[in-house]
Amino acid sequence: MPVNDLPTVAFISLGCPKNLVDSERMLACLALGGFAIVGDPDGADVAVVNTCAFIDLARAESDQHLDNLERLREAGRLGRLVVVGCMAQRYGRQILRRHPGVDAVVGLGDRDALADVCREVLARTPADRTKPPLPAARPSASRATIRVGPHPAEAPDDRERFRLTPRHYAYLRITEGCDNRCAYCAIPEIRGPLRSKPADRVVAEAQELVADGARELILVGQDTTAYGRDSEDGKASLARLLGRLRAQVDAAWIRVMYAHPASLATEVIEQLAAGLPLVPYVDLPLQHASDAVLESMGRRVRRGEIEDLIGRLRRAVPGLTLRTTFIVGYPGETEAQFEELLEFVGKVRFDHVGVFVYSPESGTRAAGLPGAVPEATARERWERLMASARTLARRAARGHVGQTLDVLVDGTDGSGRLIARHAGQAPDVDSVVLLGRGPARAGTLVRVRVTGARGYDLVAEVLKDRHA
């Protein structure tokens, strides 16, 4: 069928890299299912929103997008509206009550059936291909399609994707779901229990991504260090998977995200210490440093064990970059416990720090705990911790001045300046390296000399002996 005769679908992807992988797979299913992908929902036959439900701010962002699309539909400039992803999985019919303009709600387990659902909602009223589609009568909960089932028994197959990242890097999901049951987290309810992808499938997907142009693979999962814990023979592990990726996948960089401090094994540290393609970078969400708070959170690790782990990592892995995240305002957190967290951050000197204000999630243990921290107090603690993290990040950036680094060029900004990252910088969440205008292309590795620091970011010049 000519492209102009295909039904059009606009897609909005929200949330984390795991959600992005789902979006890329859903887009491929839509394209293979006979839909033309368009960038603007204005005039599209269908708009799909892949929602996030991790915290209240994420749900508010999803609701805002849905509100805007409902108004577009009421104006006769959008045909159908479909909600997918984490919020769809957890809230189902509640979405239809909040957003009566939604035609279908599709949970995580029905991800690959999205094209069928879109065809179904379009078939309710034939589309007029000569003008932007007009909405049918306002849908109701009884008319809307709801496909939200139990979590699949296996991790999803993410091969064959319509990638949304730049061609030179890709996210590689190795696990789905989580068994940790941290007191503040609803992910096990949303994504289900831990399911590790079979190693053969992970390797095949990695090879597919590299063949599609990815030079950097970023390993993601709710807890990547839990990989293989659910295997029947007990032989699968993150360390063994990293060994296979090292031996069988021709990637320039492989990066590990979402490592849990309670289960980062010595064998994983040994793999990191062996060097490229594994970059000397660990994303290690810690959430707090007070033993009492860590115990209440269900983190299965104490401050002394965290400090020991970080010491072992830094001794074993030359040039290690550490990224972490913390939660402030957790129920019962005292000023003394927060001061302990501040002291810990100043002592350890992480390279990259993210901070979240605690968000009570229904159905979690923490939501029922006494000792709620006033919102103003939690926000003030967030500001103090972020100020400390900014100071440390700027100091770390200045420490790179004069160094020679290999960087991966991501592209250009609006002024034409090249934007790149060194091995200690993950895309979207960390700082960047700013280069002058030059011949380097996106996706190339080049050698640079760092000449300065601008806030978190580095300023560098490309050396003449740059290499691809």
Protein backbone atom coordinates (compact mmCIF):
# COMPACT_ATOMS: atom_id res chain seq x y z
CA MET A 1 0.00 0.00 0.00
CA PRO A 2 1.39 3.49 -0.82
CA VAL A 3 2.61 5.31 2.30
CA ASN A 4 0.04 8.09 1.80
CA ASP A 5 -2.74 5.50 2.12
CA LEU A 6 -1.48 4.06 5.41
CA PRO A 7 -3.12 5.03 8.70
CA THR A 8 -0.84 7.37 10.65
CA VAL A 9 0.26 7.04 14.25
CA ALA A 10 2.07 9.57 16.44
CA PHE A 11 3.98 8.18 19.42
CA ILE A 12 4.99 9.87 22.69
CA SER A 13 7.49 7.99 24.87
CA LEU A 14 7.83 8.98 28.53
CA GLY A 15 9.88 7.67 31.43
CA CYS A 16 13.05 5.64 31.80
CA PRO A 17 15.28 3.78 29.31
CA LYS A 18 13.34 0.56 29.98
CA ASN A 19 10.21 2.36 28.80
CA LEU A 20 12.15 3.62 25.80
CA VAL A 21 13.02 0.05 24.81
CA ASP A 22 9.31 -0.81 24.97
CA SER A 23 8.53 2.24 22.83
CA GLU A 24 11.07 1.21 20.21
CA ARG A 25 9.62 -2.29 20.04
CA MET A 26 6.04 -0.98 19.84
CA LEU A 27 6.97 1.40 17.04
CA ALA A 28 8.46 -1.49 15.09
CA CYS A 29 5.26 -3.50 15.59
CA LEU A 30 3.21 -0.54 14.34
CA ALA A 31 5.41 -0.06 11.27
CA LEU A 32 5.38 -3.77 10.49
CA GLY A 33 1.62 -3.78 11.10
CA GLY A 34 0.88 -1.29 8.35
CA PHE A 35 1.04 2.10 10.08
CA ALA A 36 2.99 5.16 8.98
CA ILE A 37 4.87 6.78 11.89
CA VAL A 38 4.51 10.56 12.07
CA GLY A 39 6.10 13.06 14.42
CA ASP A 40 3.11 15.28 15.13
CA PRO A 41 -0.21 14.08 16.62
CA ASP A 42 -2.01 17.00 15.00
CA GLY A 43 -3.87 15.32 12.12
CA ALA A 44 -2.79 11.77 13.00
CA ASP A 45 -5.22 8.87 12.90
CA VAL A 46 -3.95 7.56 16.25
CA ALA A 47 -1.80 8.96 19.05
CA VAL A 48 -0.11 6.52 21.44
CA VAL A 49 1.34 7.58 24.79
CA ASN A 50 3.75 5.22 26.53
CA THR A 51 3.30 6.34 30.13
CA CYS A 52 5.46 6.29 33.26
CA ALA A 53 4.01 5.65 36.72
CA PHE A 54 7.15 5.50 38.89
CA ILE A 55 6.41 8.58 41.04
CA ASP A 56 3.71 11.23 41.24
CA LEU A 57 5.63 13.67 39.03
CA ALA A 58 5.87 11.03 36.30
CA ARG A 59 2.14 10.35 36.48
CA ALA A 60 1.43 14.08 36.36
CA GLU A 61 3.52 14.37 33.19
CA SER A 62 1.61 11.48 31.62
CA ASP A 63 -1.72 13.08 32.58
CA GLN A 64 -0.64 16.40 31.08
CA HIS A 65 0.16 14.78 27.74
CA LEU A 66 -3.17 12.96 27.75
CA ASP A 67 -5.04 16.18 28.58
CA ASN A 68 -3.40 17.92 25.62
CA LEU A 69 -4.22 15.07 23.26
CA GLU A 70 -7.84 14.94 24.43
CA ARG A 71 -8.19 18.64 23.61
CA LEU A 72 -6.67 17.98 20.19
CA ARG A 73 -9.16 15.21 19.64
CA GLU A 74 -12.11 17.34 20.72
CA ALA A 75 -11.00 19.95 18.19
CA GLY A 76 -11.29 17.35 15.43
CA ARG A 77 -7.53 17.19 14.83
CA LEU A 78 -6.82 13.69 16.16
CA GLY A 79 -8.60 10.43 15.43
CA ARG A 80 -7.95 8.01 18.28
CA LEU A 81 -6.02 8.00 21.57
CA VAL A 82 -4.32 4.93 23.07
CA VAL A 83 -2.53 4.69 26.44
CA VAL A 84 0.16 2.06 26.97
CA GLY A 85 2.96 1.31 29.43
CA CYS A 86 3.38 1.44 33.19
CA MET A 87 0.46 3.71 34.06
CA ALA A 88 -1.80 1.63 31.82
CA GLN A 89 -0.62 -1.55 33.55
CA ARG A 90 -1.19 -0.27 37.07
CA TYR A 91 -4.23 1.99 36.77
CA GLY A 92 -6.29 0.55 33.89
CA ARG A 93 -9.88 1.74 34.28
CA GLN A 94 -8.83 4.66 36.46
CA ILE A 95 -7.23 6.17 33.38
CA LEU A 96 -10.56 5.99 31.55
CA ARG A 97 -12.33 7.82 34.38
CA ARG A 98 -9.67 10.54 34.43
CA HIS A 99 -9.39 10.70 30.62
CA PRO A 100 -12.72 9.91 28.92
CA GLY A 101 -11.22 10.67 25.51
CA VAL A 102 -9.03 7.55 25.63
CA ASP A 103 -10.04 4.77 23.23
CA ALA A 104 -7.81 1.96 24.52
CA VAL A 105 -5.59 1.05 27.45
CA VAL A 106 -2.87 -1.52 26.76
CA GLY A 107 -0.74 -3.09 29.50
CA LEU A 108 2.86 -4.23 29.35
CA GLY A 109 2.07 -7.84 28.53
CA ASP A 110 0.16 -6.83 25.38
CA ARG A 111 2.88 -4.55 24.08
CA ASP A 112 3.38 -6.46 20.83
CA ALA A 113 -0.38 -6.41 20.08
CA LEU A 114 -0.48 -2.62 19.84
CA ALA A 115 -0.97 -2.58 16.05
CA ASP A 116 -4.01 -4.86 16.40
CA VAL A 117 -5.48 -2.58 19.07
CA CYS A 118 -4.94 0.52 16.93
CA ARG A 119 -6.65 -1.14 13.96
CA GLU A 120 -9.52 -2.15 16.23
CA VAL A 121 -10.18 1.38 17.51
CA LEU A 122 -9.86 2.83 14.01
CA ALA A 123 -12.41 0.33 12.67
CA ARG A 124 -15.13 1.73 14.92
CA THR A 125 -15.66 4.58 12.45
CA PRO A 126 -14.09 4.50 8.99
CA ALA A 127 -11.46 7.17 8.52
CA ASP A 128 -11.82 9.84 5.86
CA ARG A 129 -8.43 9.96 4.19
CA THR A 130 -9.11 13.32 2.49
CA LYS A 131 -8.87 15.41 5.66
CA PRO A 132 -7.62 15.18 9.25
CA PRO A 133 -9.66 12.55 11.08
CA LEU A 134 -12.64 13.69 13.07
CA PRO A 135 -13.35 12.07 16.41
CA ALA A 136 -16.26 9.73 16.84
CA ALA A 137 -18.55 10.11 19.81
CA ARG A 138 -16.66 10.53 23.05
CA PRO A 139 -15.58 7.04 24.16
CA SER A 140 -16.66 5.69 27.49
CA ALA A 141 -15.16 3.11 29.80
CA SER A 142 -17.63 0.53 28.48
CA ARG A 143 -16.65 1.21 24.84
CA ALA A 144 -12.91 1.55 25.32
CA THR A 145 -10.61 -1.38 24.67
CA ILE A 146 -8.84 -2.59 27.80
CA ARG A 147 -6.01 -5.10 27.39
CA VAL A 148 -4.27 -5.32 30.75
CA GLY A 149 -3.38 -8.86 31.71
CA PRO A 150 -1.01 -10.58 34.13
CA HIS A 151 2.71 -10.16 33.74
CA PRO A 152 4.22 -12.57 31.18
CA ALA A 153 6.24 -15.47 32.54
CA GLU A 154 9.30 -14.48 30.48
CA ALA A 155 11.19 -11.30 29.81
CA PRO A 156 10.04 -9.59 26.61
CA ASP A 157 11.90 -10.12 23.38
CA ASP A 158 13.18 -6.68 22.37
CA ARG A 159 14.68 -7.59 19.01
CA GLU A 160 13.49 -5.75 15.88
CA ARG A 161 13.15 -2.21 17.15
CA PHE A 162 12.40 1.17 15.60
CA ARG A 163 15.14 2.96 17.52
CA LEU A 164 14.61 6.40 19.03
CA THR A 165 18.16 6.89 20.28
CA PRO A 166 20.88 8.22 18.01
CA ARG A 167 22.14 5.38 15.86
CA HIS A 168 25.49 5.07 17.65
CA TYR A 169 24.16 4.03 21.07
CA ALA A 170 21.36 1.76 22.23
CA TYR A 171 19.81 0.49 25.44
CA LEU A 172 20.01 -3.27 25.97
CA ARG A 173 17.51 -4.54 28.54
CA ILE A 174 18.73 -7.70 30.26
CA THR A 175 16.03 -8.14 32.93
CA GLU A 176 12.38 -7.30 33.39
CA GLY A 177 10.65 -6.87 36.74
CA CYS A 178 12.17 -6.93 40.21
CA ASP A 179 12.14 -9.09 43.34
CA ASN A 180 13.81 -6.60 45.70
CA ARG A 181 10.56 -5.18 47.11
CA CYS A 182 12.13 -1.97 48.42
CA ALA A 183 9.63 -0.33 50.78
CA TYR A 184 9.18 2.82 48.69
CA CYS A 185 8.97 1.23 45.23
CA ALA A 186 5.95 0.08 43.20
CA ILE A 187 7.99 -1.39 40.34
CA PRO A 188 7.31 -5.04 41.32
CA GLU A 189 3.58 -4.27 41.13
CA ILE A 190 3.94 -2.52 37.78
CA ARG A 191 6.56 -4.66 36.06
CA GLY A 192 6.15 -7.93 37.94
CA PRO A 193 8.76 -10.32 39.34
CA LEU A 194 12.32 -10.66 38.07
CA ARG A 195 12.66 -12.34 34.67
CA SER A 196 16.12 -12.53 33.14
CA LYS A 197 16.49 -12.70 29.37
CA PRO A 198 18.25 -15.88 28.23
CA ALA A 199 21.90 -15.08 27.57
CA ASP A 200 21.69 -16.28 23.95
CA ARG A 201 18.88 -13.79 23.31
CA VAL A 202 20.78 -10.95 24.98
CA VAL A 203 23.84 -11.66 22.83
CA ALA A 204 21.71 -11.91 19.65
CA GLU A 205 20.02 -8.60 20.45
CA ALA A 206 23.38 -6.96 21.16
CA GLN A 207 24.72 -8.19 17.83
CA GLU A 208 21.61 -6.87 16.08
CA LEU A 209 22.05 -3.45 17.66
CA VAL A 210 25.74 -3.28 16.73
CA ALA A 211 24.90 -4.32 13.17
CA ASP A 212 22.42 -1.41 13.14
CA GLY A 213 25.21 1.03 13.98
CA ALA A 214 25.34 1.05 17.79
CA ARG A 215 28.88 1.56 19.08
CA GLU A 216 27.81 1.85 22.71
CA LEU A 217 25.47 -0.60 24.46
CA ILE A 218 23.92 0.49 27.75
CA LEU A 219 22.73 -2.41 29.90
CA VAL A 220 19.50 -1.66 31.76
CA GLY A 221 16.97 -3.44 33.96
CA GLN A 222 15.26 -2.70 37.24
CA ASP A 223 18.30 -4.34 38.90
CA THR A 224 20.97 -5.47 36.44
CA THR A 225 23.02 -7.19 39.14
CA ALA A 226 20.08 -9.54 39.76
CA TYR A 227 20.53 -10.97 36.27
CA GLY A 228 20.30 -14.78 36.34
CA ARG A 229 19.09 -15.05 39.93
CA ASP A 230 15.88 -16.61 38.58
CA SER A 231 17.62 -19.12 36.29
CA GLU A 232 16.65 -22.76 36.80
CA ASP A 233 20.19 -24.10 36.99
CA GLY A 234 21.53 -21.15 38.98
CA LYS A 235 24.45 -20.74 36.60
CA ALA A 236 23.43 -17.50 34.89
CA SER A 237 24.92 -14.31 36.33
CA LEU A 238 25.72 -10.78 35.27
CA ALA A 239 29.44 -11.55 35.32
CA ARG A 240 29.03 -14.47 32.91
CA LEU A 241 26.80 -12.41 30.67
CA LEU A 242 29.38 -9.61 30.58
CA GLY A 243 32.02 -12.17 29.65
CA ARG A 244 29.92 -13.37 26.72
CA LEU A 245 29.22 -9.84 25.54
CA ARG A 246 32.94 -9.07 25.74
CA ALA A 247 33.79 -12.13 23.64
CA GLN A 248 30.92 -12.16 21.14
CA VAL A 249 29.82 -8.56 20.54
CA ASP A 250 31.86 -5.99 18.62
CA ALA A 251 30.84 -2.91 20.62
CA ALA A 252 33.27 -0.11 21.42
CA TRP A 253 31.71 0.59 24.83
CA ILE A 254 29.44 -1.47 27.10
CA ARG A 255 28.00 0.38 30.11
CA VAL A 256 26.30 -1.09 33.20
CA MET A 257 23.41 0.85 34.76
CA TYR A 258 21.11 0.14 37.76
CA ALA A 259 23.52 -1.99 39.82
CA HIS A 260 22.26 -2.84 43.32
CA PRO A 261 24.91 -2.40 46.06
CA ALA A 262 23.74 -5.53 47.90
CA SER A 263 24.37 -7.82 44.92
CA LEU A 264 27.27 -6.37 42.93
CA ALA A 265 29.45 -9.47 42.88
CA THR A 266 33.25 -9.63 42.95
CA GLU A 267 33.13 -11.35 39.54
CA VAL A 268 31.39 -8.28 38.06
CA ILE A 269 34.10 -6.04 39.48
CA GLU A 270 36.68 -8.32 37.84
CA GLN A 271 34.93 -7.93 34.49
CA LEU A 272 34.97 -4.14 34.86
CA ALA A 273 38.64 -4.26 35.82
CA ALA A 274 39.47 -6.17 32.62
CA GLY A 275 38.84 -2.98 30.62
CA LEU A 276 37.15 -2.17 27.34
CA PRO A 277 34.65 -2.71 25.92
CA LEU A 278 33.32 -2.53 29.50
CA VAL A 279 33.76 1.11 30.45
CA PRO A 280 34.99 2.00 33.96
CA TYR A 281 31.58 3.29 35.01
CA VAL A 282 29.05 2.01 37.53
CA ASP A 283 25.57 3.36 38.17
CA LEU A 284 25.01 2.37 41.81
CA PRO A 285 21.71 3.70 43.23
CA LEU A 286 22.22 3.86 47.01
CA GLN A 287 19.12 5.85 48.11
CA HIS A 288 20.56 6.74 51.56
CA ALA A 289 23.53 6.35 53.92
CA SER A 290 21.85 6.04 57.32
CA ASP A 291 21.64 2.42 58.47
CA ALA A 292 18.24 3.03 60.05
CA VAL A 293 16.82 4.53 56.84
CA LEU A 294 18.42 1.86 54.65
CA GLU A 295 16.88 -0.86 56.84
CA SER A 296 13.44 0.76 56.70
CA MET A 297 13.77 1.02 52.91
CA GLY A 298 14.58 -2.69 52.66
CA ARG A 299 17.86 -2.07 50.85
CA ARG A 300 19.64 -5.15 52.32
CA VAL A 301 22.89 -3.25 52.84
CA ARG A 302 24.46 -1.04 55.51
CA ARG A 303 26.66 2.02 55.18
CA GLY A 304 29.82 0.15 56.13
CA GLU A 305 29.16 -2.43 53.42
CA ILE A 306 28.55 0.33 50.88
CA GLU A 307 31.84 2.02 51.75
CA ASP A 308 33.66 -1.31 51.51
CA LEU A 309 32.12 -1.99 48.08
CA ILE A 310 33.08 1.46 46.77
CA GLY A 311 36.61 0.99 48.07
CA ARG A 312 36.94 -2.36 46.31
CA LEU A 313 35.56 -0.89 43.08
CA ARG A 314 37.97 2.04 43.12
CA ARG A 315 40.98 -0.14 43.90
CA ALA A 316 40.15 -2.64 41.15
CA VAL A 317 38.94 -0.39 38.32
CA PRO A 318 41.35 2.35 37.18
CA GLY A 319 39.65 5.65 36.40
CA LEU A 320 36.30 4.49 37.77
CA THR A 321 33.33 6.85 37.47
CA LEU A 322 30.56 6.37 40.05
CA ARG A 323 27.00 7.55 39.57
CA THR A 324 24.38 7.25 42.31
CA THR A 325 20.92 8.44 43.36
CA PHE A 326 19.44 9.28 46.75
CA ILE A 327 15.97 9.80 48.23
CA VAL A 328 15.36 12.57 50.78
CA GLY A 329 12.26 13.07 52.89
CA TYR A 330 11.68 9.35 53.42
CA PRO A 331 9.17 8.68 56.25
CA GLY A 332 10.92 8.97 59.61
CA GLU A 333 14.09 10.55 58.19
CA THR A 334 15.46 12.80 60.94
CA GLU A 335 17.65 15.85 60.51
CA ALA A 336 20.55 13.87 61.99
CA GLN A 337 20.05 11.08 59.45
CA PHE A 338 19.96 13.60 56.62
CA GLU A 339 23.15 15.23 57.95
CA GLU A 340 24.74 11.78 57.89
CA LEU A 341 23.79 11.48 54.23
CA LEU A 342 25.32 14.89 53.50
CA GLU A 343 28.53 13.88 55.27
CA PHE A 344 28.65 10.59 53.37
CA VAL A 345 28.29 12.29 49.99
CA GLY A 346 31.07 14.73 50.84
CA LYS A 347 33.33 11.90 51.96
CA VAL A 348 32.79 9.51 49.05
CA ARG A 349 32.80 12.22 46.33
CA PHE A 350 30.67 10.63 43.65
CA ASP A 351 31.13 11.80 40.08
CA HIS A 352 27.41 12.09 39.31
CA VAL A 353 24.57 12.36 41.85
CA GLY A 354 20.81 12.38 41.30
CA VAL A 355 18.40 13.26 44.12
CA PHE A 356 14.67 12.58 44.42
CA VAL A 357 12.16 13.82 46.99
CA TYR A 358 10.29 10.82 48.45
CA SER A 359 6.98 10.14 46.72
CA PRO A 360 4.45 7.97 48.63
CA GLU A 361 3.25 5.18 46.36
CA SER A 362 0.00 3.38 47.14
CA GLY A 363 0.43 -0.27 48.00
CA THR A 364 4.04 0.09 49.17
CA ARG A 365 5.18 -0.49 52.75
CA ALA A 366 6.63 2.99 53.08
CA ALA A 367 3.28 4.64 52.25
CA GLY A 368 1.93 3.38 55.57
CA LEU A 369 4.89 4.35 57.74
CA PRO A 370 4.59 7.01 60.45
CA GLY A 371 6.81 10.05 60.59
CA ALA A 372 5.93 11.75 57.31
CA VAL A 373 8.46 14.49 56.54
CA PRO A 374 6.78 17.84 55.76
CA GLU A 375 6.96 18.69 52.07
CA ALA A 376 8.82 21.97 52.74
CA THR A 377 11.42 20.15 54.84
CA ALA A 378 11.91 17.45 52.20
CA ARG A 379 12.32 20.10 49.50
CA GLU A 380 14.85 22.02 51.61
CA ARG A 381 16.86 18.82 52.12
CA TRP A 382 16.77 18.19 48.38
CA GLU A 383 18.18 21.66 47.75
CA ARG A 384 20.98 21.20 50.30
CA LEU A 385 22.01 17.80 48.96
CA MET A 386 21.88 19.01 45.36
CA ALA A 387 24.05 22.02 46.27
CA SER A 388 26.64 19.66 47.77
CA ALA A 389 26.47 17.38 44.73
CA ARG A 390 26.90 20.34 42.36
CA THR A 391 30.01 21.48 44.22
CA LEU A 392 31.54 18.01 44.02
CA ALA A 393 30.61 17.60 40.33
CA ARG A 394 32.22 20.91 39.41
CA ARG A 395 35.34 19.98 41.36
CA ALA A 396 35.47 16.63 39.55
CA ALA A 397 35.06 18.40 36.19
CA ARG A 398 37.96 20.74 36.94
CA GLY A 399 40.06 17.70 37.80
CA HIS A 400 39.84 16.56 34.17
CA VAL A 401 41.43 19.75 32.80
CA GLY A 402 44.65 18.90 30.98
CA GLN A 403 43.75 15.24 30.48
CA THR A 404 43.61 13.46 27.13
CA LEU A 405 40.40 11.47 26.71
CA ASP A 406 38.63 9.37 24.11
CA VAL A 407 35.10 10.67 23.59
CA LEU A 408 32.09 9.46 21.60
CA VAL A 409 30.54 12.27 19.56
CA ASP A 410 26.77 12.48 20.03
CA GLY A 411 26.05 15.32 17.58
CA THR A 412 25.75 19.10 17.64
CA ASP A 413 23.82 21.66 19.62
CA GLY A 414 21.84 24.52 18.10
CA SER A 415 24.99 26.60 17.57
CA GLY A 416 26.80 23.86 15.70
CA ARG A 417 29.10 22.99 18.61
CA LEU A 418 29.92 19.29 18.84
CA ILE A 419 28.59 17.47 21.90
CA ALA A 420 30.42 14.34 23.07
CA ARG A 421 30.82 12.07 26.09
CA HIS A 422 33.80 10.32 27.64
CA ALA A 423 33.48 6.83 29.11
CA GLY A 424 32.43 8.27 32.47
CA GLN A 425 29.35 9.99 31.07
CA ALA A 426 26.10 8.18 30.28
CA PRO A 427 23.68 9.79 27.81
CA ASP A 428 20.86 12.02 29.06
CA VAL A 429 21.66 11.69 32.78
CA ASP A 430 25.28 12.89 33.09
CA SER A 431 27.37 15.85 31.96
CA VAL A 432 28.89 16.17 28.47
CA VAL A 433 32.08 17.22 26.70
CA LEU A 434 31.77 20.39 24.62
CA LEU A 435 33.92 20.50 21.50
CA GLY A 436 34.48 23.26 18.97
CA ARG A 437 33.13 23.14 15.46
CA GLY A 438 34.96 20.51 13.49
CA PRO A 439 34.88 17.60 11.08
CA ALA A 440 34.09 14.91 13.66
CA ARG A 441 30.79 13.14 13.03
CA ALA A 442 28.17 11.74 15.37
CA GLY A 443 29.02 8.17 16.29
CA THR A 444 32.79 8.54 15.98
CA LEU A 445 35.32 8.09 18.75
CA VAL A 446 37.84 10.91 18.83
CA ARG A 447 40.76 11.84 21.07
CA VAL A 448 40.53 15.20 22.80
CA ARG A 449 42.44 17.33 25.26
CA VAL A 450 40.33 18.88 28.04
CA THR A 451 40.99 22.62 28.13
CA GLY A 452 38.44 23.75 30.68
CA ALA A 453 35.25 23.12 32.62
CA ARG A 454 31.89 24.85 32.31
CA GLY A 455 29.79 23.91 35.32
CA TYR A 456 29.34 20.14 35.18
CA ASP A 457 30.52 19.95 31.57
CA LEU A 458 34.01 19.74 30.10
CA VAL A 459 35.39 21.87 27.28
CA ALA A 460 37.89 20.14 24.99
CA GLU A 461 39.68 20.36 21.66
CA VAL A 462 39.99 17.53 19.16
CA LEU A 463 43.59 16.38 18.71
CA LYS A 464 45.05 15.94 15.26
CA ASP A 465 45.62 12.24 15.84
CA ARG A 466 41.91 11.69 16.43
CA HIS A 467 40.71 8.19 15.60
CA ALA A 468 37.40 6.71 14.48
